[in-house]
């Protein structure tokens, strides 16, 4: 497995940003890379992307030197295994609410002795068996990122226990799901949501674990960067395309 540059940058306490991807054409990933984003999150939870689509999108990410992350649909070892075997350098795992959830995620991602990931070196991630198997297992454990999604009050209440589990690279706060958990769905800028998010950021900084979240405008991204968020999921490919198109149309129709 190739060195994960994104993981190294986060260890240096630097900021990174990249969009969620719902469009299945690898060309869109290439465009995102040429534009200068640091990573893409290939969304296998919401939208039509299959593992075959995702594999080609990973190839595209590698061709433009950005890190391919896959968001799986659930904390399921089979889904995680398939995403890793096709070459994802990071896995975003939704609905991490407790220490057992976190332990399950780490065990699914890591090979022994850190975990219990299913072993097969005849996959793309191991260069189809051309890589020395012992080197592959070691590098996969070292380079693969685990991004744990905290999406509700339960996860925040159990954050100390979640952070006690070794192997998590990023705690990702899902603002929309958090707003729903707080009974104010969609109000991601509500002071109650913001306060809970700040609580997570502070606790993660104290434990030297990077924090991520989702935003869809530059000013909000800058604000959260200033508050300590490092891993910024910036909008979605379809939203970026729509907003750019709408801006053009608005100007030309005046």
C-alpha atoms as a PDB file:
ATOM      1  CA  UNK A   1       0.000   0.000   0.000  1.00  0.00           C
ATOM      2  CA  UNK A   2       1.269   3.472  -0.919  1.00  0.00           C
ATOM      3  CA  UNK A   3       2.197   5.990   1.744  1.00  0.00           C
ATOM      4  CA  UNK A   4      -0.865   7.915   2.913  1.00  0.00           C
ATOM      5  CA  UNK A   5       0.158  11.558   2.542  1.00  0.00           C
ATOM      6  CA  UNK A   6      -3.115  12.763   4.035  1.00  0.00           C
ATOM      7  CA  UNK A   7      -2.436  10.887   7.249  1.00  0.00           C
ATOM      8  CA  UNK A   8       1.011  12.461   7.488  1.00  0.00           C
ATOM      9  CA  UNK A   9      -0.341  15.969   6.932  1.00  0.00           C
ATOM     10  CA  UNK A  10      -2.931  15.522   9.687  1.00  0.00           C
ATOM     11  CA  UNK A  11      -0.216  14.345  12.083  1.00  0.00           C
ATOM     12  CA  UNK A  12       1.557  17.636  11.383  1.00  0.00           C
ATOM     13  CA  UNK A  13      -1.597  19.459  12.579  1.00  0.00           C
ATOM     14  CA  UNK A  14      -2.241  20.928   9.126  1.00  0.00           C
ATOM     15  CA  UNK A  15      -5.652  21.474   7.552  1.00  0.00           C
ATOM     16  CA  UNK A  16      -7.019  19.441   4.642  1.00  0.00           C
ATOM     17  CA  UNK A  17     -10.224  19.585   2.632  1.00  0.00           C
ATOM     18  CA  UNK A  18     -12.096  17.551   0.057  1.00  0.00           C
ATOM     19  CA  UNK A  19     -15.650  16.929  -1.192  1.00  0.00           C
ATOM     20  CA  UNK A  20     -18.015  14.013  -0.985  1.00  0.00           C
ATOM     21  CA  UNK A  21     -18.421  12.323  -4.381  1.00  0.00           C
ATOM     22  CA  UNK A  22     -21.778  11.045  -5.626  1.00  0.00           C
ATOM     23  CA  UNK A  23     -21.179  11.208  -9.383  1.00  0.00           C
ATOM     24  CA  UNK A  24     -19.798   7.919 -10.673  1.00  0.00           C
ATOM     25  CA  UNK A  25     -17.571   9.199 -13.488  1.00  0.00           C
ATOM     26  CA  UNK A  26     -13.851   8.980 -12.544  1.00  0.00           C
ATOM     27  CA  UNK A  27     -13.269  12.132 -14.589  1.00  0.00           C
ATOM     28  CA  UNK A  28     -14.976  14.137 -11.851  1.00  0.00           C
ATOM     29  CA  UNK A  29     -12.418  12.837  -9.342  1.00  0.00           C
ATOM     30  CA  UNK A  30      -9.610  13.858 -11.690  1.00  0.00           C
ATOM     31  CA  UNK A  31     -11.076  17.362 -11.996  1.00  0.00           C
ATOM     32  CA  UNK A  32     -11.275  17.662  -8.206  1.00  0.00           C
ATOM     33  CA  UNK A  33      -7.627  16.661  -8.004  1.00  0.00           C
ATOM     34  CA  UNK A  34      -6.498  19.092 -10.673  1.00  0.00           C
ATOM     35  CA  UNK A  35      -8.399  21.826  -8.833  1.00  0.00           C
ATOM     36  CA  UNK A  36      -6.185  21.277  -5.790  1.00  0.00           C
ATOM     37  CA  UNK A  37      -8.331  19.472  -3.221  1.00  0.00           C
ATOM     38  CA  UNK A  38      -6.506  17.144  -0.825  1.00  0.00           C
ATOM     39  CA  UNK A  39      -8.839  14.154  -0.869  1.00  0.00           C
ATOM     40  CA  UNK A  40     -12.186  12.828  -2.067  1.00  0.00           C
ATOM     41  CA  UNK A  41     -14.781  10.948  -0.035  1.00  0.00           C
ATOM     42  CA  UNK A  42     -16.378   8.396  -2.328  1.00  0.00           C
ATOM     43  CA  UNK A  43     -19.884   8.097  -0.929  1.00  0.00           C
ATOM     44  CA  UNK A  44     -21.077   4.498  -0.794  1.00  0.00           C
ATOM     45  CA  UNK A  45     -23.691   5.321   1.845  1.00  0.00           C
ATOM     46  CA  UNK A  46     -25.854   7.895   0.039  1.00  0.00           C
ATOM     47  CA  UNK A  47     -26.223   7.681  -3.727  1.00  0.00           C
ATOM     48  CA  UNK A  48     -25.640   5.233  -6.580  1.00  0.00           C
ATOM     49  CA  UNK A  49     -21.909   4.445  -6.304  1.00  0.00           C
ATOM     50  CA  UNK A  50     -21.049   0.741  -6.477  1.00  0.00           C
ATOM     51  CA  UNK A  51     -17.761  -0.908  -5.524  1.00  0.00           C
ATOM     52  CA  UNK A  52     -16.906  -1.195  -9.221  1.00  0.00           C
ATOM     53  CA  UNK A  53     -17.517   2.541  -9.661  1.00  0.00           C
ATOM     54  CA  UNK A  54     -15.496   3.219  -6.523  1.00  0.00           C
ATOM     55  CA  UNK A  55     -12.536   1.181  -7.747  1.00  0.00           C
ATOM     56  CA  UNK A  56     -12.245   3.270 -10.900  1.00  0.00           C
ATOM     57  CA  UNK A  57     -12.696   6.455  -8.876  1.00  0.00           C
ATOM     58  CA  UNK A  58      -9.802   5.372  -6.650  1.00  0.00           C
ATOM     59  CA  UNK A  59      -7.638   4.877  -9.735  1.00  0.00           C
ATOM     60  CA  UNK A  60      -8.532   8.400 -10.808  1.00  0.00           C
ATOM     61  CA  UNK A  61      -7.637   9.800  -7.377  1.00  0.00           C
ATOM     62  CA  UNK A  62      -4.272   8.096  -7.476  1.00  0.00           C
ATOM     63  CA  UNK A  63      -3.574   9.517 -10.936  1.00  0.00           C
ATOM     64  CA  UNK A  64      -3.893  13.090  -9.621  1.00  0.00           C
ATOM     65  CA  UNK A  65      -2.238  12.440  -6.234  1.00  0.00           C
ATOM     66  CA  UNK A  66      -5.196  12.942  -3.922  1.00  0.00           C
ATOM     67  CA  UNK A  67      -6.218  10.539  -1.178  1.00  0.00           C
ATOM     68  CA  UNK A  68      -9.239   8.291  -1.855  1.00  0.00           C
ATOM     69  CA  UNK A  69     -11.543   7.800   1.126  1.00  0.00           C
ATOM     70  CA  UNK A  70     -14.684   5.665   1.034  1.00  0.00           C
ATOM     71  CA  UNK A  71     -17.701   6.284   3.245  1.00  0.00           C
ATOM     72  CA  UNK A  72     -19.329   2.904   3.776  1.00  0.00           C
ATOM     73  CA  UNK A  73     -23.016   2.447   4.451  1.00  0.00           C
ATOM     74  CA  UNK A  74     -22.648   1.065   7.965  1.00  0.00           C
ATOM     75  CA  UNK A  75     -20.207  -0.251  10.538  1.00  0.00           C
ATOM     76  CA  UNK A  76     -20.164  -3.606   8.788  1.00  0.00           C
ATOM     77  CA  UNK A  77     -16.989  -5.652   8.396  1.00  0.00           C
ATOM     78  CA  UNK A  78     -17.983  -6.956   4.955  1.00  0.00           C
ATOM     79  CA  UNK A  79     -18.590  -3.463   3.559  1.00  0.00           C
ATOM     80  CA  UNK A  80     -15.374  -2.168   5.104  1.00  0.00           C
ATOM     81  CA  UNK A  81     -13.369  -5.107   3.760  1.00  0.00           C
ATOM     82  CA  UNK A  82     -14.565  -4.603   0.187  1.00  0.00           C
ATOM     83  CA  UNK A  83     -13.753  -0.887   0.302  1.00  0.00           C
ATOM     84  CA  UNK A  84     -10.253  -1.565   1.604  1.00  0.00           C
ATOM     85  CA  UNK A  85      -9.540  -4.370  -0.854  1.00  0.00           C
ATOM     86  CA  UNK A  86     -10.126  -2.085  -3.847  1.00  0.00           C
ATOM     87  CA  UNK A  87      -7.570   0.393  -2.541  1.00  0.00           C
ATOM     88  CA  UNK A  88      -9.256   2.968  -0.321  1.00  0.00           C
ATOM     89  CA  UNK A  89      -6.683   4.699   1.863  1.00  0.00           C
ATOM     90  CA  UNK A  90      -9.264   5.651   4.430  1.00  0.00           C
ATOM     91  CA  UNK A  91     -12.669   4.487   5.607  1.00  0.00           C
ATOM     92  CA  UNK A  92     -15.388   6.768   6.953  1.00  0.00           C
ATOM     93  CA  UNK A  93     -17.661   4.756   9.199  1.00  0.00           C
ATOM     94  CA  UNK A  94     -21.090   6.167  10.138  1.00  0.00           C
ATOM     95  CA  UNK A  95     -22.991   6.016  13.432  1.00  0.00           C
ATOM     96  CA  UNK A  96     -20.156   5.475  15.877  1.00  0.00           C
ATOM     97  CA  UNK A  97     -22.009   5.888  19.157  1.00  0.00           C
ATOM     98  CA  UNK A  98     -20.073   3.875  21.724  1.00  0.00           C
ATOM     99  CA  UNK A  99     -16.842   2.151  22.630  1.00  0.00           C
ATOM    100  CA  UNK A 100     -18.063  -1.213  21.246  1.00  0.00           C
ATOM    101  CA  UNK A 101     -18.902   0.505  17.935  1.00  0.00           C
ATOM    102  CA  UNK A 102     -15.372   1.911  17.816  1.00  0.00           C
ATOM    103  CA  UNK A 103     -13.717  -1.394  18.679  1.00  0.00           C
ATOM    104  CA  UNK A 104     -15.751  -3.091  15.940  1.00  0.00           C
ATOM    105  CA  UNK A 105     -14.624  -0.483  13.400  1.00  0.00           C
ATOM    106  CA  UNK A 106     -10.942  -0.809  14.257  1.00  0.00           C
ATOM    107  CA  UNK A 107     -11.084  -4.606  14.187  1.00  0.00           C
ATOM    108  CA  UNK A 108     -12.685  -4.477  10.728  1.00  0.00           C
ATOM    109  CA  UNK A 109     -10.036  -2.155   9.292  1.00  0.00           C
ATOM    110  CA  UNK A 110      -6.821  -3.508  10.821  1.00  0.00           C
ATOM    111  CA  UNK A 111      -5.047  -6.799  10.355  1.00  0.00           C
ATOM    112  CA  UNK A 112      -3.812  -8.730  13.384  1.00  0.00           C
ATOM    113  CA  UNK A 113      -2.507  -7.914  15.932  1.00  0.00           C
ATOM    114  CA  UNK A 114      -4.493  -4.627  15.884  1.00  0.00           C
ATOM    115  CA  UNK A 115      -7.606  -6.128  14.349  1.00  0.00           C
ATOM    116  CA  UNK A 116      -9.341  -8.974  12.571  1.00  0.00           C
ATOM    117  CA  UNK A 117      -9.637  -7.782   8.972  1.00  0.00           C
ATOM    118  CA  UNK A 118     -10.269 -10.590   6.523  1.00  0.00           C
ATOM    119  CA  UNK A 119      -7.011 -11.653   4.854  1.00  0.00           C
ATOM    120  CA  UNK A 120      -6.646 -11.814   1.086  1.00  0.00           C
ATOM    121  CA  UNK A 121      -3.648 -10.493  -0.836  1.00  0.00           C
ATOM    122  CA  UNK A 122      -5.127 -11.237  -4.265  1.00  0.00           C
ATOM    123  CA  UNK A 123      -6.751  -7.826  -4.398  1.00  0.00           C
ATOM    124  CA  UNK A 124      -6.001  -4.433  -5.884  1.00  0.00           C
ATOM    125  CA  UNK A 125      -4.842  -3.007  -2.544  1.00  0.00           C
ATOM    126  CA  UNK A 126      -2.001  -5.545  -2.527  1.00  0.00           C
ATOM    127  CA  UNK A 127      -1.184  -4.960  -6.188  1.00  0.00           C
ATOM    128  CA  UNK A 128      -2.969  -8.212  -7.068  1.00  0.00           C
ATOM    129  CA  UNK A 129      -0.477 -10.304  -5.023  1.00  0.00           C
ATOM    130  CA  UNK A 130       2.645  -8.783  -6.625  1.00  0.00           C
ATOM    131  CA  UNK A 131       3.478  -7.054  -3.314  1.00  0.00           C
ATOM    132  CA  UNK A 132       5.236  -9.036  -0.621  1.00  0.00           C
ATOM    133  CA  UNK A 133       2.418 -10.203   1.636  1.00  0.00           C
ATOM    134  CA  UNK A 134       4.141  -9.356   4.905  1.00  0.00           C
ATOM    135  CA  UNK A 135       5.033  -5.884   3.665  1.00  0.00           C
ATOM    136  CA  UNK A 136       1.442  -5.403   2.537  1.00  0.00           C
ATOM    137  CA  UNK A 137      -0.141  -6.377   5.868  1.00  0.00           C
ATOM    138  CA  UNK A 138       2.237  -4.101   7.764  1.00  0.00           C
ATOM    139  CA  UNK A 139       1.804  -1.117   5.449  1.00  0.00           C
ATOM    140  CA  UNK A 140      -1.997  -1.499   5.346  1.00  0.00           C
ATOM    141  CA  UNK A 141      -2.156  -1.294   9.132  1.00  0.00           C
ATOM    142  CA  UNK A 142       0.143   1.725   9.168  1.00  0.00           C
ATOM    143  CA  UNK A 143      -1.283   3.745   6.281  1.00  0.00           C
ATOM    144  CA  UNK A 144      -5.046   3.136   6.341  1.00  0.00           C
ATOM    145  CA  UNK A 145      -7.065   5.895   7.998  1.00  0.00           C
ATOM    146  CA  UNK A 146     -10.149   5.373  10.157  1.00  0.00           C
ATOM    147  CA  UNK A 147     -12.599   8.273  10.240  1.00  0.00           C
ATOM    148  CA  UNK A 148     -15.282   7.692  12.866  1.00  0.00           C
ATOM    149  CA  UNK A 149     -18.576   9.543  12.365  1.00  0.00           C
ATOM    150  CA  UNK A 150     -20.159  10.935  15.520  1.00  0.00           C
ATOM    151  CA  UNK A 151     -23.676  11.778  14.382  1.00  0.00           C
ATOM    152  CA  UNK A 152     -25.733  12.231  17.491  1.00  0.00           C
ATOM    153  CA  UNK A 153     -25.950  13.076  21.169  1.00  0.00           C
ATOM    154  CA  UNK A 154     -25.272   9.464  22.165  1.00  0.00           C
ATOM    155  CA  UNK A 155     -21.881   9.515  20.457  1.00  0.00           C
ATOM    156  CA  UNK A 156     -20.959  12.833  22.037  1.00  0.00           C
ATOM    157  CA  UNK A 157     -21.972  11.582  25.481  1.00  0.00           C
ATOM    158  CA  UNK A 158     -19.731   8.537  24.962  1.00  0.00           C
ATOM    159  CA  UNK A 159     -16.845  10.444  23.382  1.00  0.00           C
ATOM    160  CA  UNK A 160     -14.387   9.759  26.213  1.00  0.00           C
ATOM    161  CA  UNK A 161     -14.882   6.019  25.790  1.00  0.00           C
ATOM    162  CA  UNK A 162     -14.682   6.302  21.990  1.00  0.00           C
ATOM    163  CA  UNK A 163     -11.394   8.197  22.226  1.00  0.00           C
ATOM    164  CA  UNK A 164      -9.971   5.540  24.544  1.00  0.00           C
ATOM    165  CA  UNK A 165      -9.858   3.103  21.606  1.00  0.00           C
ATOM    166  CA  UNK A 166      -6.530   3.147  19.771  1.00  0.00           C
ATOM    167  CA  UNK A 167      -6.552   3.419  15.982  1.00  0.00           C
ATOM    168  CA  UNK A 168      -8.962   6.272  15.214  1.00  0.00           C
ATOM    169  CA  UNK A 169      -7.376   8.956  13.022  1.00  0.00           C
ATOM    170  CA  UNK A 170     -10.289  11.398  12.770  1.00  0.00           C
ATOM    171  CA  UNK A 171     -13.465  11.997  14.744  1.00  0.00           C
ATOM    172  CA  UNK A 172     -15.931  13.332  12.181  1.00  0.00           C
ATOM    173  CA  UNK A 173     -18.893  15.372  13.410  1.00  0.00           C
ATOM    174  CA  UNK A 174     -21.939  15.011  11.155  1.00  0.00           C
ATOM    175  CA  UNK A 175     -23.710  18.355  11.671  1.00  0.00           C
ATOM    176  CA  UNK A 176     -26.952  17.439   9.915  1.00  0.00           C
ATOM    177  CA  UNK A 177     -27.472  14.181  11.781  1.00  0.00           C
ATOM    178  CA  UNK A 178     -26.433  15.913  14.995  1.00  0.00           C
ATOM    179  CA  UNK A 179     -29.047  18.608  14.433  1.00  0.00           C
ATOM    180  CA  UNK A 180     -31.681  15.914  14.001  1.00  0.00           C
ATOM    181  CA  UNK A 181     -30.504  14.162  17.152  1.00  0.00           C
ATOM    182  CA  UNK A 182     -30.986  17.461  19.001  1.00  0.00           C
ATOM    183  CA  UNK A 183     -34.528  17.832  17.651  1.00  0.00           C
ATOM    184  CA  UNK A 184     -33.727  20.687  15.251  1.00  0.00           C
ATOM    185  CA  UNK A 185     -33.138  18.903  11.911  1.00  0.00           C
ATOM    186  CA  UNK A 186     -31.240  20.935   9.342  1.00  0.00           C
ATOM    187  CA  UNK A 187     -30.390  23.787  11.727  1.00  0.00           C
ATOM    188  CA  UNK A 188     -26.650  23.159  11.536  1.00  0.00           C
ATOM    189  CA  UNK A 189     -25.798  26.722  12.587  1.00  0.00           C
ATOM    190  CA  UNK A 190     -28.074  26.659  15.613  1.00  0.00           C
ATOM    191  CA  UNK A 191     -26.096  27.609  18.771  1.00  0.00           C
ATOM    192  CA  UNK A 192     -27.008  24.262  20.344  1.00  0.00           C
ATOM    193  CA  UNK A 193     -25.444  22.332  17.450  1.00  0.00           C
ATOM    194  CA  UNK A 194     -22.396  24.604  17.349  1.00  0.00           C
ATOM    195  CA  UNK A 195     -21.844  24.255  21.101  1.00  0.00           C
ATOM    196  CA  UNK A 196     -21.961  20.454  20.924  1.00  0.00           C
ATOM    197  CA  UNK A 197     -19.516  20.490  18.015  1.00  0.00           C
ATOM    198  CA  UNK A 198     -17.132  22.778  19.898  1.00  0.00           C
ATOM    199  CA  UNK A 199     -17.291  20.355  22.811  1.00  0.00           C
ATOM    200  CA  UNK A 200     -16.141  17.542  20.518  1.00  0.00           C
ATOM    201  CA  UNK A 201     -13.348  19.639  19.001  1.00  0.00           C
ATOM    202  CA  UNK A 202     -11.961  20.555  22.418  1.00  0.00           C
ATOM    203  CA  UNK A 203     -12.041  17.017  23.765  1.00  0.00           C
ATOM    204  CA  UNK A 204     -10.397  15.597  20.631  1.00  0.00           C
ATOM    205  CA  UNK A 205      -7.646  18.214  20.739  1.00  0.00           C
ATOM    206  CA  UNK A 206      -6.943  17.258  24.338  1.00  0.00           C
ATOM    207  CA  UNK A 207      -6.577  13.637  23.177  1.00  0.00           C
ATOM    208  CA  UNK A 208      -4.521  14.591  20.089  1.00  0.00           C
ATOM    209  CA  UNK A 209      -7.061  13.172  17.647  1.00  0.00           C
ATOM    210  CA  UNK A 210      -7.945  15.172  14.520  1.00  0.00           C
ATOM    211  CA  UNK A 211     -11.499  16.435  14.083  1.00  0.00           C
ATOM    212  CA  UNK A 212     -13.500  16.632  10.862  1.00  0.00           C
ATOM    213  CA  UNK A 213     -16.855  18.011   9.829  1.00  0.00           C
ATOM    214  CA  UNK A 214     -18.959  18.912   6.806  1.00  0.00           C
ATOM    215  CA  UNK A 215     -19.543  22.422   5.457  1.00  0.00           C
ATOM    216  CA  UNK A 216     -20.840  23.778   2.169  1.00  0.00           C
ATOM    217  CA  UNK A 217     -19.488  27.313   2.124  1.00  0.00           C
ATOM    218  CA  UNK A 218     -16.025  28.837   2.412  1.00  0.00           C
ATOM    219  CA  UNK A 219     -16.698  31.172   5.333  1.00  0.00           C
ATOM    220  CA  UNK A 220     -18.041  28.371   7.528  1.00  0.00           C
ATOM    221  CA  UNK A 221     -15.029  26.240   6.600  1.00  0.00           C
ATOM    222  CA  UNK A 222     -12.649  29.019   7.625  1.00  0.00           C
ATOM    223  CA  UNK A 223     -14.517  29.464  10.882  1.00  0.00           C
ATOM    224  CA  UNK A 224     -14.221  25.800  11.832  1.00  0.00           C
ATOM    225  CA  UNK A 225     -10.580  25.705  10.755  1.00  0.00           C
ATOM    226  CA  UNK A 226      -9.923  28.558  13.185  1.00  0.00           C
ATOM    227  CA  UNK A 227     -11.651  26.578  15.951  1.00  0.00           C
ATOM    228  CA  UNK A 228      -9.468  23.515  15.451  1.00  0.00           C
ATOM    229  CA  UNK A 229     -11.134  21.350  12.802  1.00  0.00           C
ATOM    230  CA  UNK A 230      -8.451  19.894  10.498  1.00  0.00           C
ATOM    231  CA  UNK A 231     -10.312  17.487   8.207  1.00  0.00           C
ATOM    232  CA  UNK A 232     -12.879  19.478   6.249  1.00  0.00           C
ATOM    233  CA  UNK A 233     -15.426  17.742   4.090  1.00  0.00           C
ATOM    234  CA  UNK A 234     -16.271  20.597   1.750  1.00  0.00           C
ATOM    235  CA  UNK A 235     -19.628  20.165   0.045  1.00  0.00           C
ATOM    236  CA  UNK A 236     -20.512  17.501  -2.525  1.00  0.00           C
ATOM    237  CA  UNK A 237     -19.562  17.194  -6.186  1.00  0.00           C
ATOM    238  CA  UNK A 238     -23.181  17.641  -7.311  1.00  0.00           C
ATOM    239  CA  UNK A 239     -23.600  20.714  -5.111  1.00  0.00           C
ATOM    240  CA  UNK A 240     -20.376  22.260  -6.375  1.00  0.00           C
ATOM    241  CA  UNK A 241     -21.495  21.691  -9.974  1.00  0.00           C
ATOM    242  CA  UNK A 242     -24.978  23.057  -9.299  1.00  0.00           C
ATOM    243  CA  UNK A 243     -23.766  26.191  -7.513  1.00  0.00           C
ATOM    244  CA  UNK A 244     -21.199  27.004 -10.194  1.00  0.00           C
ATOM    245  CA  UNK A 245     -23.807  26.480 -12.926  1.00  0.00           C
ATOM    246  CA  UNK A 246     -26.457  28.503 -11.088  1.00  0.00           C
ATOM    247  CA  UNK A 247     -23.989  31.356 -10.612  1.00  0.00           C
ATOM    248  CA  UNK A 248     -23.246  31.455 -14.342  1.00  0.00           C
ATOM    249  CA  UNK A 249     -26.914  31.304 -15.290  1.00  0.00           C
ATOM    250  CA  UNK A 250     -27.784  34.055 -12.820  1.00  0.00           C
ATOM    251  CA  UNK A 251     -25.189  36.374 -14.280  1.00  0.00           C
ATOM    252  CA  UNK A 252     -26.052  35.688 -17.920  1.00  0.00           C
ATOM    253  CA  UNK A 253     -29.807  36.056 -17.442  1.00  0.00           C
ATOM    254  CA  UNK A 254     -29.586  39.494 -15.850  1.00  0.00           C
END
